[in-house]
Amino acid sequence: MSCKDWFHIPWRRFRRGLLFFVLMALLAGSTPADAGTGWLEKGKSLLGGAASKSSSSSTSTNLSDGEIGSGLKELLCVGSENVVNRLGRTDGFNLDPEVHIPLPGQLDTVRSVLSKVGKSRMLDDLELRLNRAAEVATPKAKDLFVQAIRDMTLEDVRKIYEGPDDAATQYFRSKMSKPLAQQMAPVVSESLEDVAAVKSYDNVMKEYQSIPFVPDAKADLTEYVTEKAIDGIFYYMGKEEAAIRRNPAKRTTELLRKLFGS
């Protein structure tokens, strides 16, 4: 099923005159020191930004409110699909320096101790498996993102439409981080088992604890990998959202082209 078949929501038209009131507020807030070229430059900057946004969504004025809402949800749908395809594959996390998952900080002492006795490769293996777990879990979380998009309200959609290039990503972070983590945790836990990360961790800790007088150390792998996986997903969601808003080549559906222009 395509993204455009998933979301259909009716809502009132966006209010007009936003630019006028912003300009009035800008001029009203100016001080004598801001007079002349000061507020003129601010005005040019504001108008330039507004023009840029207008050019990217100029065709939306002829769309119904339902089409605009569906188009914004489709943007999120397409963006999340691209992110899942990028990260939910072998080395999607592991070889990407932007989202690579390092060992938890609680295991720094473990790495230091085992490195001194020639066992550092055990930690390297564990780190690789943590990334593999995130890669396996990411595609399984796709339905969670779809549901989050479907649950968006009229107010949510309006804020995203009128917001910056990463407004949808900010929405997800503010509204969905906690519930998403709760739903992803079992998926990550299963993935950790599937890629033998838990077994690798147990081997590491057994070797570490066999050394006399070492301090206690432990890490919650499920919580840690869940947090890092969500961070990675949000990181690329922000980039995908901005790309779809700015780059016509990224508008891969008819509704997105109608909403943001071709």
Protein backbone atom coordinates (compact mmCIF):
# COMPACT_ATOMS: atom_id res chain seq x y z
CA MET A 1 0.00 0.00 0.00
CA SER A 2 1.36 3.41 -0.95
CA CYS A 3 1.83 6.23 1.52
CA LYS A 4 -0.93 8.32 -0.04
CA ASP A 5 -3.48 5.57 0.69
CA TRP A 6 -2.69 5.59 4.41
CA PHE A 7 -3.68 9.07 5.49
CA HIS A 8 -6.86 11.07 4.82
CA ILE A 9 -7.78 13.81 7.30
CA PRO A 10 -10.19 16.78 6.81
CA TRP A 11 -9.25 20.12 8.38
CA ARG A 12 -9.88 23.91 8.04
CA ARG A 13 -7.81 26.15 5.78
CA PHE A 14 -4.65 27.74 7.10
CA ARG A 15 -5.03 31.34 8.23
CA ARG A 16 -3.74 34.03 5.94
CA GLY A 17 -1.88 37.16 6.77
CA LEU A 18 0.91 35.54 8.85
CA LEU A 19 3.65 37.42 7.03
CA PHE A 20 1.87 40.74 7.55
CA PHE A 21 1.63 40.30 11.31
CA VAL A 22 5.22 39.11 11.58
CA LEU A 23 6.41 42.18 9.69
CA MET A 24 4.31 44.45 11.88
CA ALA A 25 5.71 42.82 15.00
CA LEU A 26 9.24 43.22 13.64
CA LEU A 27 8.74 46.94 12.98
CA ALA A 28 6.95 47.52 16.29
CA GLY A 29 9.81 45.90 18.17
CA SER A 30 12.50 48.02 16.52
CA THR A 31 14.41 50.56 18.56
CA PRO A 32 16.02 53.80 17.26
CA ALA A 33 19.29 51.90 17.03
CA ASP A 34 17.59 49.48 14.67
CA ALA A 35 16.21 52.21 12.40
CA GLY A 36 17.17 52.67 8.74
CA THR A 37 19.17 49.87 7.22
CA GLY A 38 18.83 47.77 10.38
CA TRP A 39 15.13 46.97 10.04
CA LEU A 40 15.34 47.08 6.26
CA GLU A 41 17.92 44.30 6.31
CA LYS A 42 15.77 42.33 8.74
CA GLY A 43 12.79 42.86 6.49
CA LYS A 44 14.71 41.69 3.43
CA SER A 45 15.87 38.60 5.30
CA LEU A 46 12.36 37.79 6.47
CA LEU A 47 10.85 38.38 3.05
CA GLY A 48 13.55 36.24 1.48
CA GLY A 49 12.75 33.37 3.82
CA ALA A 50 9.03 33.74 3.21
CA ALA A 51 9.57 33.79 -0.55
CA SER A 52 11.62 30.64 -0.33
CA LYS A 53 8.87 28.86 1.59
CA SER A 54 6.26 30.22 -0.77
CA SER A 55 8.11 28.94 -3.82
CA SER A 56 8.35 25.45 -2.34
CA SER A 57 4.65 25.28 -1.53
CA SER A 58 3.10 27.65 -4.04
CA THR A 59 0.95 24.95 -5.57
CA SER A 60 -0.60 24.11 -2.20
CA THR A 61 -2.93 27.12 -2.38
CA ASN A 62 -5.06 25.28 -4.93
CA LEU A 63 -5.31 22.14 -2.83
CA SER A 64 -8.02 21.26 -0.35
CA ASP A 65 -7.22 21.19 3.34
CA GLY A 66 -7.52 17.41 3.27
CA GLU A 67 -4.97 17.18 0.46
CA ILE A 68 -2.54 19.44 2.32
CA GLY A 69 -2.87 17.34 5.46
CA SER A 70 -2.47 14.11 3.51
CA GLY A 71 0.53 15.56 1.69
CA LEU A 72 2.31 16.43 4.92
CA LYS A 73 1.66 12.98 6.31
CA GLU A 74 2.89 11.50 3.07
CA LEU A 75 6.10 13.51 3.47
CA LEU A 76 6.65 11.81 6.83
CA CYS A 77 5.74 8.43 5.41
CA VAL A 78 8.17 8.70 2.50
CA GLY A 79 10.88 10.11 4.75
CA SER A 80 10.52 7.32 7.32
CA GLU A 81 10.59 4.68 4.58
CA ASN A 82 13.84 6.12 3.22
CA VAL A 83 15.37 6.18 6.69
CA VAL A 84 14.35 2.58 7.39
CA ASN A 85 15.83 1.48 4.07
CA ARG A 86 19.06 3.32 4.83
CA LEU A 87 19.62 2.13 8.39
CA GLY A 88 17.81 -1.21 8.37
CA ARG A 89 20.45 -3.06 6.40
CA THR A 90 23.85 -4.59 7.07
CA ASP A 91 26.28 -1.84 8.17
CA GLY A 92 23.51 0.78 8.06
CA PHE A 93 24.58 1.78 11.56
CA ASN A 94 27.96 0.12 11.83
CA LEU A 95 29.74 1.86 8.94
CA ASP A 96 27.98 5.22 9.24
CA PRO A 97 30.06 7.56 11.42
CA GLU A 98 27.03 9.75 12.04
CA VAL A 99 24.99 7.03 13.75
CA HIS A 100 27.51 4.28 14.61
CA ILE A 101 26.75 2.90 18.07
CA PRO A 102 29.81 2.76 20.35
CA LEU A 103 30.00 0.65 23.49
CA PRO A 104 28.09 2.05 26.46
CA GLY A 105 30.17 4.36 28.63
CA GLN A 106 29.67 1.97 31.56
CA LEU A 107 31.93 -0.50 29.78
CA ASP A 108 34.89 1.86 29.36
CA THR A 109 36.61 0.29 32.36
CA VAL A 110 35.91 -3.18 31.00
CA ARG A 111 37.51 -2.28 27.67
CA SER A 112 40.52 -0.75 29.38
CA VAL A 113 41.09 -3.80 31.59
CA LEU A 114 40.61 -6.41 28.88
CA SER A 115 42.79 -4.47 26.45
CA LYS A 116 45.68 -4.81 28.89
CA VAL A 117 45.37 -8.60 28.84
CA GLY A 118 44.98 -8.87 25.06
CA LYS A 119 41.21 -9.35 25.03
CA SER A 120 40.17 -6.12 23.28
CA ARG A 121 38.77 -8.04 20.31
CA MET A 122 35.97 -9.31 22.53
CA LEU A 123 34.83 -5.70 23.00
CA ASP A 124 35.12 -5.03 19.27
CA ASP A 125 32.88 -8.02 18.62
CA LEU A 126 30.32 -6.80 21.14
CA GLU A 127 30.27 -3.30 19.62
CA LEU A 128 29.69 -4.75 16.16
CA ARG A 129 26.78 -6.83 17.45
CA LEU A 130 25.15 -3.81 19.10
CA ASN A 131 25.10 -2.11 15.70
CA ARG A 132 23.78 -5.28 14.08
CA ALA A 133 20.94 -5.35 16.61
CA ALA A 134 19.95 -1.77 15.69
CA GLU A 135 20.08 -2.66 12.00
CA VAL A 136 17.82 -5.68 12.53
CA ALA A 137 15.39 -3.77 14.76
CA THR A 138 14.93 -0.73 12.53
CA PRO A 139 12.77 -2.34 9.79
CA LYS A 140 10.61 -3.97 12.46
CA ALA A 141 9.87 -0.51 13.87
CA LYS A 142 8.41 0.76 10.58
CA ASP A 143 4.81 0.10 11.63
CA LEU A 144 5.38 2.12 14.81
CA PHE A 145 6.25 5.18 12.76
CA VAL A 146 3.27 4.67 10.46
CA GLN A 147 0.93 4.59 13.46
CA ALA A 148 2.55 7.69 14.94
CA ILE A 149 1.94 9.53 11.67
CA ARG A 150 -1.68 8.37 11.50
CA ASP A 151 -2.29 9.61 15.05
CA MET A 152 -1.26 13.18 14.25
CA THR A 153 -3.93 15.79 14.97
CA LEU A 154 -5.03 18.86 13.01
CA GLU A 155 -2.97 21.04 15.36
CA ASP A 156 0.10 18.83 14.85
CA VAL A 157 -0.21 19.04 11.06
CA ARG A 158 -0.64 22.81 11.12
CA LYS A 159 2.47 23.31 13.27
CA ILE A 160 4.51 21.09 10.96
CA TYR A 161 3.30 22.89 7.83
CA GLU A 162 4.13 26.33 9.25
CA GLY A 163 7.36 25.20 10.92
CA PRO A 164 11.01 24.90 9.85
CA ASP A 165 12.49 22.26 7.57
CA ASP A 166 12.75 19.77 10.43
CA ALA A 167 9.39 20.56 12.04
CA ALA A 168 8.10 17.01 11.62
CA THR A 169 11.24 15.56 13.17
CA GLN A 170 10.90 17.92 16.11
CA TYR A 171 7.30 16.76 16.46
CA PHE A 172 8.38 13.13 16.64
CA ARG A 173 11.05 13.89 19.21
CA SER A 174 8.71 15.86 21.46
CA LYS A 175 5.67 13.62 21.19
CA MET A 176 6.93 10.16 20.31
CA SER A 177 10.36 9.57 21.89
CA LYS A 178 9.07 7.96 25.09
CA PRO A 179 6.26 5.80 23.65
CA LEU A 180 8.42 4.88 20.69
CA ALA A 181 11.18 3.72 23.03
CA GLN A 182 8.68 1.65 24.99
CA GLN A 183 7.43 -0.05 21.84
CA MET A 184 10.86 -0.52 20.30
CA ALA A 185 12.50 -1.97 23.42
CA PRO A 186 11.04 -5.49 22.96
CA VAL A 187 12.03 -5.41 19.29
CA VAL A 188 15.59 -4.40 20.18
CA SER A 189 15.74 -7.01 22.94
CA GLU A 190 14.78 -9.71 20.46
CA SER A 191 17.30 -8.37 17.94
CA LEU A 192 20.08 -8.47 20.54
CA GLU A 193 19.34 -12.15 21.00
CA ASP A 194 19.10 -12.78 17.26
CA VAL A 195 22.57 -11.35 16.55
CA ALA A 196 24.15 -13.00 19.61
CA ALA A 197 24.94 -9.66 21.25
CA VAL A 198 23.71 -10.92 24.62
CA LYS A 199 25.97 -13.95 24.41
CA SER A 200 28.90 -11.73 23.42
CA TYR A 201 28.19 -9.44 26.40
CA ASP A 202 28.03 -12.38 28.79
CA ASN A 203 31.39 -13.65 27.49
CA VAL A 204 32.94 -10.21 27.94
CA MET A 205 31.68 -9.86 31.50
CA LYS A 206 32.76 -13.37 32.44
CA GLU A 207 36.27 -12.66 31.20
CA TYR A 208 36.34 -9.29 32.96
CA GLN A 209 35.09 -10.63 36.28
CA SER A 210 37.71 -13.38 36.23
CA ILE A 211 40.37 -10.71 36.79
CA PRO A 212 40.96 -9.99 40.49
CA PHE A 213 40.05 -6.66 42.10
CA VAL A 214 38.26 -5.12 39.12
CA PRO A 215 35.41 -2.70 39.91
CA ASP A 216 31.82 -3.63 39.21
CA ALA A 217 30.54 -2.78 35.74
CA LYS A 218 27.35 -3.50 33.85
CA ALA A 219 25.17 -2.03 31.11
CA ASP A 220 21.54 -2.32 30.04
CA LEU A 221 22.03 -3.22 26.39
CA THR A 222 18.34 -3.07 25.44
CA GLU A 223 17.82 0.44 26.80
CA TYR A 224 21.11 1.66 25.35
CA VAL A 225 20.65 0.28 21.83
CA THR A 226 17.02 1.42 21.74
CA GLU A 227 18.05 4.97 22.60
CA LYS A 228 20.86 5.01 20.04
CA ALA A 229 18.71 3.45 17.32
CA ILE A 230 16.01 6.08 17.81
CA ASP A 231 18.65 8.84 17.78
CA GLY A 232 19.92 7.53 14.45
CA ILE A 233 16.44 7.31 12.98
CA PHE A 234 15.58 10.86 14.04
CA TYR A 235 18.90 12.15 12.72
CA TYR A 236 18.14 10.94 9.21
CA MET A 237 14.44 11.76 9.47
CA GLY A 238 15.46 15.40 9.85
CA LYS A 239 17.66 15.20 6.77
CA GLU A 240 15.00 13.42 4.71
CA GLU A 241 12.33 15.92 5.69
CA ALA A 242 14.50 18.90 4.75
CA ALA A 243 15.47 17.25 1.45
CA ILE A 244 11.84 16.63 0.46
CA ARG A 245 10.90 20.22 1.31
CA ARG A 246 13.86 21.71 -0.60
CA ASN A 247 14.72 19.29 -3.40
CA PRO A 248 12.15 18.56 -6.16
CA ALA A 249 13.96 15.32 -7.04
CA LYS A 250 13.09 13.97 -3.60
CA ARG A 251 9.34 14.46 -4.14
CA THR A 252 8.70 10.95 -5.36
CA THR A 253 4.89 10.93 -5.28
CA GLU A 254 2.29 12.96 -7.16
CA LEU A 255 0.82 14.40 -3.96
CA LEU A 256 4.21 15.61 -2.73
CA ARG A 257 4.82 17.28 -6.08
CA LYS A 258 1.43 18.97 -5.90
CA LEU A 259 2.04 20.14 -2.35
CA PHE A 260 5.62 21.39 -2.65
CA GLY A 261 5.94 21.95 -6.39
CA SER A 262 7.85 20.02 -9.03
